[in-house]
PDB file of N, CA and C in Angstrom:
ATOM      1  N   MET A   1    -183.945 304.292 203.853  1.00  0.00           N
ATOM      2  CA  MET A   1    -182.984 303.037 203.213  1.00  0.00           C
ATOM      3  C   MET A   1    -181.809 303.512 202.264  1.00  0.00           C
ATOM      4  N   LEU A   2    -181.125 302.198 202.091  1.00  0.00           N
ATOM      5  CA  LEU A   2    -180.081 302.543 201.681  1.00  0.00           C
ATOM      6  C   LEU A   2    -179.964 302.423 200.241  1.00  0.00           C
ATOM      7  N   ILE A   3    -180.702 300.971 199.786  1.00  0.00           N
ATOM      8  CA  ILE A   3    -180.864 300.463 198.125  1.00  0.00           C
ATOM      9  C   ILE A   3    -181.902 301.179 197.611  1.00  0.00           C
ATOM     10  N   SER A   4    -181.835 302.369 196.546  1.00  0.00           N
ATOM     11  CA  SER A   4    -182.792 302.598 195.725  1.00  0.00           C
ATOM     12  C   SER A   4    -183.524 301.965 194.699  1.00  0.00           C
ATOM     13  N   ASN A   5    -184.347 302.379 194.531  1.00  0.00           N
ATOM     14  CA  ASN A   5    -185.399 301.219 193.632  1.00  0.00           C
ATOM     15  C   ASN A   5    -185.232 301.866 192.478  1.00  0.00           C
ATOM     16  N   ALA A   6    -185.307 300.368 191.676  1.00  0.00           N
ATOM     17  CA  ALA A   6    -184.495 300.225 190.134  1.00  0.00           C
ATOM     18  C   ALA A   6    -185.967 299.987 189.112  1.00  0.00           C
ATOM     19  N   TYR A   7    -186.403 300.808 188.465  1.00  0.00           N
ATOM     20  CA  TYR A   7    -186.936 301.391 187.543  1.00  0.00           C
ATOM     21  C   TYR A   7    -186.590 300.575 186.236  1.00  0.00           C
ATOM     22  N   ALA A   8    -187.741 300.108 185.242  1.00  0.00           N
ATOM     23  CA  ALA A   8    -187.007 299.752 184.149  1.00  0.00           C
ATOM     24  C   ALA A   8    -187.289 300.568 183.049  1.00  0.00           C
ATOM     25  N   ASP A   9    -186.338 300.954 182.214  1.00  0.00           N
ATOM     26  CA  ASP A   9    -186.327 301.858 180.626  1.00  0.00           C
ATOM     27  C   ASP A   9    -186.980 301.330 179.787  1.00  0.00           C
ATOM     28  N   SER A  10    -187.967 301.871 179.288  1.00  0.00           N
ATOM     29  CA  SER A  10    -188.756 301.232 177.733  1.00  0.00           C
ATOM     30  C   SER A  10    -187.430 301.907 176.964  1.00  0.00           C
ATOM     31  N   PHE A  11    -186.852 300.461 175.674  1.00  0.00           N
ATOM     32  CA  PHE A  11    -186.102 300.614 175.187  1.00  0.00           C
ATOM     33  C   PHE A  11    -186.874 300.181 173.736  1.00  0.00           C
ATOM     34  N   GLY A  12    -186.838 300.598 172.781  1.00  0.00           N
ATOM     35  CA  GLY A  12    -187.329 300.326 171.483  1.00  0.00           C
ATOM     36  C   GLY A  12    -188.450 301.516 170.591  1.00  0.00           C
ATOM     37  N   GLY A  13    -188.164 301.200 169.374  1.00  0.00           N
ATOM     38  CA  GLY A  13    -188.918 302.207 168.997  1.00  0.00           C
ATOM     39  C   GLY A  13    -188.865 303.627 168.438  1.00  0.00           C
ATOM     40  N   PHE A  14    -189.547 304.325 167.598  1.00  0.00           N
ATOM     41  CA  PHE A  14    -189.049 305.812 167.466  1.00  0.00           C
ATOM     42  C   PHE A  14    -188.584 306.569 168.540  1.00  0.00           C
ATOM     43  N   ASP A  15    -188.889 306.476 169.553  1.00  0.00           N
ATOM     44  CA  ASP A  15    -189.117 307.341 170.912  1.00  0.00           C
ATOM     45  C   ASP A  15    -187.407 307.085 171.204  1.00  0.00           C
ATOM     46  N   ALA A  16    -187.268 306.178 171.556  1.00  0.00           N
ATOM     47  CA  ALA A  16    -185.541 306.083 171.797  1.00  0.00           C
ATOM     48  C   ALA A  16    -184.574 306.290 171.135  1.00  0.00           C
ATOM     49  N   ILE A  17    -184.548 306.189 169.727  1.00  0.00           N
ATOM     50  CA  ILE A  17    -183.603 306.739 168.587  1.00  0.00           C
ATOM     51  C   ILE A  17    -183.467 308.619 168.946  1.00  0.00           C
ATOM     52  N   MET A  18    -184.675 308.506 168.935  1.00  0.00           N
ATOM     53  CA  MET A  18    -185.009 310.488 169.528  1.00  0.00           C
ATOM     54  C   MET A  18    -184.403 310.564 170.691  1.00  0.00           C
ATOM     55  N   GLN A  19    -184.147 309.970 172.362  1.00  0.00           N
ATOM     56  CA  GLN A  19    -183.763 309.898 172.910  1.00  0.00           C
ATOM     57  C   GLN A  19    -182.275 309.891 173.018  1.00  0.00           C
ATOM     58  N   ARG A  20    -181.922 309.173 172.418  1.00  0.00           N
ATOM     59  CA  ARG A  20    -180.309 308.847 171.759  1.00  0.00           C
ATOM     60  C   ARG A  20    -179.913 309.360 170.424  1.00  0.00           C
ATOM     61  N   PRO A  21    -179.600 310.462 170.110  1.00  0.00           N
ATOM     62  CA  PRO A  21    -179.449 310.736 168.356  1.00  0.00           C
ATOM     63  C   PRO A  21    -178.088 310.247 168.335  1.00  0.00           C
ATOM     64  N   ASP A  22    -177.005 310.049 169.266  1.00  0.00           N
ATOM     65  CA  ASP A  22    -175.742 309.399 168.749  1.00  0.00           C
ATOM     66  C   ASP A  22    -175.862 308.444 167.620  1.00  0.00           C
ATOM     67  N   PHE A  23    -176.815 307.672 167.908  1.00  0.00           N
ATOM     68  CA  PHE A  23    -177.164 306.403 167.127  1.00  0.00           C
ATOM     69  C   PHE A  23    -177.367 306.959 166.025  1.00  0.00           C
ATOM     70  N   LEU A  24    -177.953 307.629 165.463  1.00  0.00           N
ATOM     71  CA  LEU A  24    -178.304 308.058 164.442  1.00  0.00           C
ATOM     72  C   LEU A  24    -177.154 308.712 163.577  1.00  0.00           C
ATOM     73  N   ILE A  25    -176.515 309.717 164.132  1.00  0.00           N
ATOM     74  CA  ILE A  25    -175.489 310.490 163.873  1.00  0.00           C
ATOM     75  C   ILE A  25    -174.382 309.035 163.466  1.00  0.00           C
ATOM     76  N   ILE A  26    -174.119 308.121 164.282  1.00  0.00           N
ATOM     77  CA  ILE A  26    -173.380 307.290 163.677  1.00  0.00           C
ATOM     78  C   ILE A  26    -173.478 306.747 162.439  1.00  0.00           C
ATOM     79  N   GLY A  27    -174.742 306.588 162.426  1.00  0.00           N
ATOM     80  CA  GLY A  27    -175.118 305.758 161.857  1.00  0.00           C
ATOM     81  C   GLY A  27    -175.563 306.689 160.230  1.00  0.00           C
ATOM     82  N   LEU A  28    -175.655 307.726 160.115  1.00  0.00           N
ATOM     83  CA  LEU A  28    -175.235 308.681 158.930  1.00  0.00           C
ATOM     84  C   LEU A  28    -174.449 308.814 158.612  1.00  0.00           C
ATOM     85  N   MET A  29    -173.190 308.955 159.700  1.00  0.00           N
ATOM     86  CA  MET A  29    -172.158 308.977 159.157  1.00  0.00           C
ATOM     87  C   MET A  29    -171.268 308.041 158.217  1.00  0.00           C
ATOM     88  N   VAL A  30    -171.865 306.686 158.665  1.00  0.00           N
ATOM     89  CA  VAL A  30    -171.386 305.451 158.405  1.00  0.00           C
ATOM     90  C   VAL A  30    -172.202 304.881 156.596  1.00  0.00           C
ATOM     91  N   VAL A  31    -172.991 305.611 156.555  1.00  0.00           N
ATOM     92  CA  VAL A  31    -174.036 305.915 155.432  1.00  0.00           C
ATOM     93  C   VAL A  31    -173.190 306.713 154.150  1.00  0.00           C
ATOM     94  N   ALA A  32    -172.773 308.218 154.982  1.00  0.00           N
ATOM     95  CA  ALA A  32    -171.993 309.162 153.920  1.00  0.00           C
ATOM     96  C   ALA A  32    -170.315 308.530 153.777  1.00  0.00           C
ATOM     97  N   MET A  33    -170.255 307.655 154.709  1.00  0.00           N
ATOM     98  CA  MET A  33    -168.437 307.204 154.220  1.00  0.00           C
ATOM     99  C   MET A  33    -168.751 306.357 153.265  1.00  0.00           C
ATOM    100  N   TYR A  34    -169.682 305.132 153.008  1.00  0.00           N
ATOM    101  CA  TYR A  34    -169.923 304.223 152.172  1.00  0.00           C
ATOM    102  C   TYR A  34    -170.171 304.950 150.759  1.00  0.00           C
ATOM    103  N   PHE A  35    -170.603 306.307 150.931  1.00  0.00           N
ATOM    104  CA  PHE A  35    -170.881 306.940 149.382  1.00  0.00           C
ATOM    105  C   PHE A  35    -169.519 307.750 148.737  1.00  0.00           C
ATOM    106  N   VAL A  36    -168.907 308.154 150.061  1.00  0.00           N
ATOM    107  CA  VAL A  36    -167.547 309.031 149.763  1.00  0.00           C
ATOM    108  C   VAL A  36    -166.666 308.091 149.856  1.00  0.00           C
ATOM    109  N   MET A  37    -166.226 307.296 150.327  1.00  0.00           N
ATOM    110  CA  MET A  37    -165.049 306.147 150.065  1.00  0.00           C
ATOM    111  C   MET A  37    -165.142 305.272 149.369  1.00  0.00           C
ATOM    112  N   ILE A  38    -165.897 304.372 150.109  1.00  0.00           N
ATOM    113  CA  ILE A  38    -166.082 302.664 149.307  1.00  0.00           C
ATOM    114  C   ILE A  38    -166.829 303.130 148.078  1.00  0.00           C
ATOM    115  N   ARG A  39    -167.525 303.205 147.984  1.00  0.00           N
ATOM    116  CA  ARG A  39    -168.466 302.977 146.513  1.00  0.00           C
ATOM    117  C   ARG A  39    -167.745 303.678 145.348  1.00  0.00           C
ATOM    118  N   PRO A  40    -167.041 304.884 145.200  1.00  0.00           N
ATOM    119  CA  PRO A  40    -166.084 305.385 144.527  1.00  0.00           C
ATOM    120  C   PRO A  40    -164.755 304.286 144.129  1.00  0.00           C
ATOM    121  N   GLN A  41    -164.050 303.790 145.315  1.00  0.00           N
ATOM    122  CA  GLN A  41    -163.090 302.862 144.845  1.00  0.00           C
ATOM    123  C   GLN A  41    -163.382 301.615 144.858  1.00  0.00           C
ATOM    124  N   MET A  42    -164.718 301.215 144.775  1.00  0.00           N
ATOM    125  CA  MET A  42    -165.154 299.856 144.218  1.00  0.00           C
ATOM    126  C   MET A  42    -164.999 300.098 142.556  1.00  0.00           C
ATOM    127  N   LYS A  43    -165.962 301.606 141.948  1.00  0.00           N
ATOM    128  CA  LYS A  43    -166.188 301.196 140.708  1.00  0.00           C
ATOM    129  C   LYS A  43    -164.598 301.495 139.983  1.00  0.00           C
ATOM    130  N   ARG A  44    -163.433 302.253 140.695  1.00  0.00           N
ATOM    131  CA  ARG A  44    -161.773 302.615 140.258  1.00  0.00           C
ATOM    132  C   ARG A  44    -161.897 301.251 139.742  1.00  0.00           C
ATOM    133  N   GLN A  45    -161.814 300.485 141.144  1.00  0.00           N
ATOM    134  CA  GLN A  45    -161.158 298.765 140.872  1.00  0.00           C
ATOM    135  C   GLN A  45    -161.992 298.306 139.859  1.00  0.00           C
ATOM    136  N   LYS A  46    -162.963 298.550 139.705  1.00  0.00           N
ATOM    137  CA  LYS A  46    -163.684 297.876 138.503  1.00  0.00           C
ATOM    138  C   LYS A  46    -163.337 297.955 136.934  1.00  0.00           C
ATOM    139  N   GLU A  47    -163.132 299.026 136.916  1.00  0.00           N
ATOM    140  CA  GLU A  47    -162.805 299.970 135.841  1.00  0.00           C
ATOM    141  C   GLU A  47    -161.214 299.517 135.504  1.00  0.00           C
ATOM    142  N   LEU A  48    -160.378 299.661 136.715  1.00  0.00           N
ATOM    143  CA  LEU A  48    -158.867 299.111 135.959  1.00  0.00           C
ATOM    144  C   LEU A  48    -158.738 297.806 136.150  1.00  0.00           C
ATOM    145  N   LYS A  49    -159.626 296.380 136.418  1.00  0.00           N
ATOM    146  CA  LYS A  49    -159.730 295.187 135.936  1.00  0.00           C
ATOM    147  C   LYS A  49    -160.027 295.219 134.579  1.00  0.00           C
ATOM    148  N   ALA A  50    -161.607 295.910 134.286  1.00  0.00           N
ATOM    149  CA  ALA A  50    -161.710 295.962 132.895  1.00  0.00           C
ATOM    150  C   ALA A  50    -160.860 296.217 131.858  1.00  0.00           C
ATOM    151  N   MET A  51    -159.928 297.528 131.994  1.00  0.00           N
ATOM    152  CA  MET A  51    -158.658 297.853 131.045  1.00  0.00           C
ATOM    153  C   MET A  51    -157.410 296.696 131.223  1.00  0.00           C
ATOM    154  N   MET A  52    -157.498 295.837 132.516  1.00  0.00           N
ATOM    155  CA  MET A  52    -156.462 294.840 132.398  1.00  0.00           C
ATOM    156  C   MET A  52    -156.920 294.195 131.403  1.00  0.00           C
ATOM    157  N   ASP A  53    -157.878 293.268 131.441  1.00  0.00           N
ATOM    158  CA  ASP A  53    -158.758 292.648 130.814  1.00  0.00           C
ATOM    159  C   ASP A  53    -158.294 292.779 129.435  1.00  0.00           C
ATOM    160  N   ALA A  54    -158.761 293.704 128.764  1.00  0.00           N
ATOM    161  CA  ALA A  54    -158.863 294.490 127.654  1.00  0.00           C
ATOM    162  C   ALA A  54    -157.627 294.628 126.925  1.00  0.00           C
ATOM    163  N   LEU A  55    -156.208 294.816 127.517  1.00  0.00           N
ATOM    164  CA  LEU A  55    -154.961 294.876 127.160  1.00  0.00           C
ATOM    165  C   LEU A  55    -154.726 293.927 125.636  1.00  0.00           C
ATOM    166  N   ALA A  56    -154.055 294.744 124.930  1.00  0.00           N
ATOM    167  CA  ALA A  56    -154.370 293.899 123.586  1.00  0.00           C
ATOM    168  C   ALA A  56    -153.005 294.736 122.793  1.00  0.00           C
ATOM    169  N   LYS A  57    -152.414 293.255 121.671  1.00  0.00           N
ATOM    170  CA  LYS A  57    -151.129 293.951 121.108  1.00  0.00           C
ATOM    171  C   LYS A  57    -151.246 295.267 120.347  1.00  0.00           C
ATOM    172  N   GLY A  58    -150.371 296.117 120.324  1.00  0.00           N
ATOM    173  CA  GLY A  58    -150.137 297.524 119.655  1.00  0.00           C
ATOM    174  C   GLY A  58    -150.844 298.374 120.577  1.00  0.00           C
ATOM    175  N   ASP A  59    -151.673 297.776 121.716  1.00  0.00           N
ATOM    176  CA  ASP A  59    -151.765 299.316 122.846  1.00  0.00           C
ATOM    177  C   ASP A  59    -150.826 299.934 123.539  1.00  0.00           C
ATOM    178  N   GLU A  60    -150.653 301.367 123.631  1.00  0.00           N
ATOM    179  CA  GLU A  60    -149.783 302.283 124.466  1.00  0.00           C
ATOM    180  C   GLU A  60    -150.129 302.348 125.539  1.00  0.00           C
ATOM    181  N   VAL A  61    -149.162 302.029 126.533  1.00  0.00           N
ATOM    182  CA  VAL A  61    -149.761 301.935 127.904  1.00  0.00           C
ATOM    183  C   VAL A  61    -148.383 302.735 128.712  1.00  0.00           C
ATOM    184  N   VAL A  62    -148.483 302.923 129.920  1.00  0.00           N
ATOM    185  CA  VAL A  62    -148.085 303.607 131.322  1.00  0.00           C
ATOM    186  C   VAL A  62    -147.888 302.415 132.550  1.00  0.00           C
ATOM    187  N   THR A  63    -146.496 302.042 132.847  1.00  0.00           N
ATOM    188  CA  THR A  63    -146.702 301.407 133.712  1.00  0.00           C
ATOM    189  C   THR A  63    -146.318 301.936 135.127  1.00  0.00           C
ATOM    190  N   ALA A  64    -146.627 301.060 136.647  1.00  0.00           N
ATOM    191  CA  ALA A  64    -146.415 302.080 137.789  1.00  0.00           C
ATOM    192  C   ALA A  64    -145.245 302.792 137.976  1.00  0.00           C
ATOM    193  N   GLY A  65    -144.374 301.827 137.419  1.00  0.00           N
ATOM    194  CA  GLY A  65    -143.001 302.652 137.339  1.00  0.00           C
ATOM    195  C   GLY A  65    -142.510 303.938 136.250  1.00  0.00           C
ATOM    196  N   GLY A  66    -143.471 304.312 135.796  1.00  0.00           N
ATOM    197  CA  GLY A  66    -143.510 305.402 135.110  1.00  0.00           C
ATOM    198  C   GLY A  66    -143.256 304.968 133.268  1.00  0.00           C
ATOM    199  N   ILE A  67    -142.683 303.875 132.809  1.00  0.00           N
ATOM    200  CA  ILE A  67    -142.277 303.100 132.030  1.00  0.00           C
ATOM    201  C   ILE A  67    -143.263 303.650 131.011  1.00  0.00           C
ATOM    202  N   LEU A  68    -143.152 304.026 129.715  1.00  0.00           N
ATOM    203  CA  LEU A  68    -144.125 304.305 128.278  1.00  0.00           C
ATOM    204  C   LEU A  68    -143.673 303.354 127.637  1.00  0.00           C
ATOM    205  N   GLY A  69    -144.787 302.254 126.785  1.00  0.00           N
ATOM    206  CA  GLY A  69    -144.047 301.568 125.777  1.00  0.00           C
ATOM    207  C   GLY A  69    -145.464 300.968 124.997  1.00  0.00           C
ATOM    208  N   ARG A  70    -145.118 299.889 123.826  1.00  0.00           N
ATOM    209  CA  ARG A  70    -146.129 299.420 122.841  1.00  0.00           C
ATOM    210  C   ARG A  70    -146.180 298.243 123.310  1.00  0.00           C
ATOM    211  N   ILE A  71    -147.260 297.638 123.674  1.00  0.00           N
ATOM    212  CA  ILE A  71    -147.311 296.069 123.972  1.00  0.00           C
ATOM    213  C   ILE A  71    -147.014 295.573 122.727  1.00  0.00           C
ATOM    214  N   VAL A  72    -146.462 294.505 122.909  1.00  0.00           N
ATOM    215  CA  VAL A  72    -145.543 293.475 121.673  1.00  0.00           C
ATOM    216  C   VAL A  72    -146.234 291.816 122.033  1.00  0.00           C
ATOM    217  N   LYS A  73    -146.371 291.578 122.985  1.00  0.00           N
ATOM    218  CA  LYS A  73    -146.673 289.956 123.153  1.00  0.00           C
ATOM    219  C   LYS A  73    -147.895 290.078 124.912  1.00  0.00           C
ATOM    220  N   VAL A  74    -148.693 289.698 124.503  1.00  0.00           N
ATOM    221  CA  VAL A  74    -149.795 289.599 125.388  1.00  0.00           C
ATOM    222  C   VAL A  74    -149.660 288.006 126.027  1.00  0.00           C
ATOM    223  N   ALA A  75    -149.495 287.794 127.516  1.00  0.00           N
ATOM    224  CA  ALA A  75    -149.767 286.103 128.168  1.00  0.00           C
ATOM    225  C   ALA A  75    -150.780 286.273 129.452  1.00  0.00           C
ATOM    226  N   ASP A  76    -150.945 285.470 129.811  1.00  0.00           N
ATOM    227  CA  ASP A  76    -152.220 285.441 131.291  1.00  0.00           C
ATOM    228  C   ASP A  76    -151.328 286.449 132.019  1.00  0.00           C
ATOM    229  N   ALA A  77    -150.236 286.139 132.609  1.00  0.00           N
ATOM    230  CA  ALA A  77    -149.963 287.236 133.392  1.00  0.00           C
ATOM    231  C   ALA A  77    -148.703 288.138 133.466  1.00  0.00           C
ATOM    232  N   TYR A  78    -148.317 288.327 132.198  1.00  0.00           N
ATOM    233  CA  TYR A  78    -147.302 289.179 131.512  1.00  0.00           C
ATOM    234  C   TYR A  78    -147.388 289.533 130.203  1.00  0.00           C
ATOM    235  N   ILE A  79    -146.712 290.818 130.195  1.00  0.00           N
ATOM    236  CA  ILE A  79    -147.142 291.466 128.899  1.00  0.00           C
ATOM    237  C   ILE A  79    -145.511 291.638 128.176  1.00  0.00           C
ATOM    238  N   THR A  80    -145.230 292.172 127.114  1.00  0.00           N
ATOM    239  CA  THR A  80    -144.273 292.067 126.920  1.00  0.00           C
ATOM    240  C   THR A  80    -143.971 294.027 126.239  1.00  0.00           C
ATOM    241  N   LEU A  81    -143.353 294.925 126.559  1.00  0.00           N
ATOM    242  CA  LEU A  81    -143.558 295.728 126.162  1.00  0.00           C
ATOM    243  C   LEU A  81    -141.872 296.394 125.306  1.00  0.00           C
ATOM    244  N   GLU A  82    -142.315 297.227 124.510  1.00  0.00           N
ATOM    245  CA  GLU A  82    -141.402 297.987 123.377  1.00  0.00           C
ATOM    246  C   GLU A  82    -141.165 299.187 123.883  1.00  0.00           C
ATOM    247  N   VAL A  83    -140.011 299.344 124.584  1.00  0.00           N
ATOM    248  CA  VAL A  83    -139.900 300.665 125.091  1.00  0.00           C
ATOM    249  C   VAL A  83    -139.348 301.542 124.468  1.00  0.00           C
ATOM    250  N   SER A  84    -138.333 301.406 123.621  1.00  0.00           N
ATOM    251  CA  SER A  84    -137.260 301.599 122.445  1.00  0.00           C
ATOM    252  C   SER A  84    -137.328 300.721 120.910  1.00  0.00           C
ATOM    253  N   THR A  85    -137.205 301.001 119.971  1.00  0.00           N
ATOM    254  CA  THR A  85    -136.719 300.393 118.806  1.00  0.00           C
ATOM    255  C   THR A  85    -135.720 299.053 119.184  1.00  0.00           C
ATOM    256  N   GLY A  86    -136.448 297.897 119.492  1.00  0.00           N
ATOM    257  CA  GLY A  86    -135.357 297.046 119.494  1.00  0.00           C
ATOM    258  C   GLY A  86    -135.201 296.505 120.968  1.00  0.00           C
ATOM    259  N   THR A  87    -135.746 297.205 121.745  1.00  0.00           N
ATOM    260  CA  THR A  87    -135.839 297.120 123.691  1.00  0.00           C
ATOM    261  C   THR A  87    -136.897 296.824 123.839  1.00  0.00           C
ATOM    262  N   GLU A  88    -136.807 295.518 124.407  1.00  0.00           N
ATOM    263  CA  GLU A  88    -138.352 294.727 125.004  1.00  0.00           C
ATOM    264  C   GLU A  88    -138.122 294.535 126.475  1.00  0.00           C
ATOM    265  N   VAL A  89    -139.282 295.111 127.136  1.00  0.00           N
ATOM    266  CA  VAL A  89    -139.045 294.436 128.744  1.00  0.00           C
ATOM    267  C   VAL A  89    -140.688 293.712 128.650  1.00  0.00           C
ATOM    268  N   VAL A  90    -140.352 292.745 129.768  1.00  0.00           N
ATOM    269  CA  VAL A  90    -141.481 291.715 130.282  1.00  0.00           C
ATOM    270  C   VAL A  90    -141.514 292.785 131.759  1.00  0.00           C
ATOM    271  N   ILE A  91    -143.455 292.617 131.697  1.00  0.00           N
ATOM    272  CA  ILE A  91    -143.655 292.930 133.064  1.00  0.00           C
ATOM    273  C   ILE A  91    -144.708 292.406 133.128  1.00  0.00           C
ATOM    274  N   GLN A  92    -145.656 292.462 134.923  1.00  0.00           N
ATOM    275  CA  GLN A  92    -146.630 291.997 135.378  1.00  0.00           C
ATOM    276  C   GLN A  92    -147.621 292.498 134.558  1.00  0.00           C
ATOM    277  N   ARG A  93    -148.599 292.235 134.169  1.00  0.00           N
ATOM    278  CA  ARG A  93    -149.888 292.990 133.731  1.00  0.00           C
ATOM    279  C   ARG A  93    -150.041 293.892 134.771  1.00  0.00           C
ATOM    280  N   SER A  94    -150.382 294.118 135.776  1.00  0.00           N
ATOM    281  CA  SER A  94    -151.246 294.352 137.141  1.00  0.00           C
ATOM    282  C   SER A  94    -149.750 295.504 136.795  1.00  0.00           C
ATOM    283  N   ALA A  95    -148.983 295.722 136.410  1.00  0.00           N
ATOM    284  CA  ALA A  95    -147.780 296.781 136.608  1.00  0.00           C
ATOM    285  C   ALA A  95    -148.685 297.605 135.614  1.00  0.00           C
ATOM    286  N   VAL A  96    -149.838 297.873 135.025  1.00  0.00           N
ATOM    287  CA  VAL A  96    -149.874 298.955 133.872  1.00  0.00           C
ATOM    288  C   VAL A  96    -151.071 299.687 134.456  1.00  0.00           C
ATOM    289  N   THR A  97    -150.916 300.881 134.412  1.00  0.00           N
ATOM    290  CA  THR A  97    -151.821 302.044 135.300  1.00  0.00           C
ATOM    291  C   THR A  97    -152.611 302.456 134.501  1.00  0.00           C
ATOM    292  N   LEU A  98    -152.057 303.042 133.379  1.00  0.00           N
ATOM    293  CA  LEU A  98    -153.131 303.372 132.261  1.00  0.00           C
ATOM    294  C   LEU A  98    -152.789 303.305 130.915  1.00  0.00           C
ATOM    295  N   LEU A  99    -154.099 303.229 130.141  1.00  0.00           N
ATOM    296  CA  LEU A  99    -153.736 302.861 128.423  1.00  0.00           C
ATOM    297  C   LEU A  99    -153.574 304.276 127.625  1.00  0.00           C
ATOM    298  N   LEU A 100    -153.217 304.531 127.087  1.00  0.00           N
ATOM    299  CA  LEU A 100    -152.772 305.995 126.270  1.00  0.00           C
ATOM    300  C   LEU A 100    -153.502 306.143 125.261  1.00  0.00           C
ATOM    301  N   PRO A 101    -153.816 306.903 124.491  1.00  0.00           N
ATOM    302  CA  PRO A 101    -154.479 306.493 123.168  1.00  0.00           C
ATOM    303  C   PRO A 101    -153.470 306.361 122.022  1.00  0.00           C
ATOM    304  N   LYS A 102    -154.038 305.836 121.005  1.00  0.00           N
ATOM    305  CA  LYS A 102    -153.106 305.087 119.835  1.00  0.00           C
ATOM    306  C   LYS A 102    -152.504 306.769 119.309  1.00  0.00           C
ATOM    307  N   GLY A 103    -151.348 306.151 118.802  1.00  0.00           N
ATOM    308  CA  GLY A 103    -150.266 307.262 118.624  1.00  0.00           C
ATOM    309  C   GLY A 103    -149.827 308.325 119.418  1.00  0.00           C
ATOM    310  N   THR A 104    -149.866 308.300 120.720  1.00  0.00           N
ATOM    311  CA  THR A 104    -149.473 309.337 121.749  1.00  0.00           C
ATOM    312  C   THR A 104    -147.994 308.492 121.456  1.00  0.00           C
ATOM    313  N   ILE A 105    -147.349 307.320 121.594  1.00  0.00           N
ATOM    314  CA  ILE A 105    -145.631 307.425 121.581  1.00  0.00           C
ATOM    315  C   ILE A 105    -145.526 307.589 119.865  1.00  0.00           C
ATOM    316  N   LYS A 106    -144.890 307.927 119.504  1.00  0.00           N
ATOM    317  CA  LYS A 106    -144.283 308.328 118.215  1.00  0.00           C
ATOM    318  C   LYS A 106    -142.359 307.884 118.021  1.00  0.00           C
ATOM    319  N   ALA A 107    -142.105 308.185 119.264  1.00  0.00           N
ATOM    320  CA  ALA A 107    -140.804 308.036 119.127  1.00  0.00           C
ATOM    321  C   ALA A 107    -140.134 306.384 118.433  1.00  0.00           C
ATOM    322  N   LEU A 108    -141.311 305.349 118.656  1.00  0.00           N
ATOM    323  CA  LEU A 108    -141.159 303.961 118.792  1.00  0.00           C
ATOM    324  C   LEU A 108    -141.019 303.795 117.484  1.00  0.00           C
TER     325      LEU A 108
END
């Protein structure tokens, strides 16, 4: 005969997973990537948002551009930094990357 017989293959249950371990390996890789990359990034974003919401007048901060300053005025989307005596800069609130301990900037 020229045409061979087709036999049904059982797919399902634990036996099927053990016959094809590549599905198990891919699943473990996805779980590992979640715990190694995605979860820490979400935690960092949550901490950064909490820090931005807690900004207040008198806090000392560092911006994304590396500018150090003391917060003089806080608005909804913008803050005013005093970078030197008598010199104030208005920046977006999202540009703040680091909140410094009080008294770090002594020259102002």
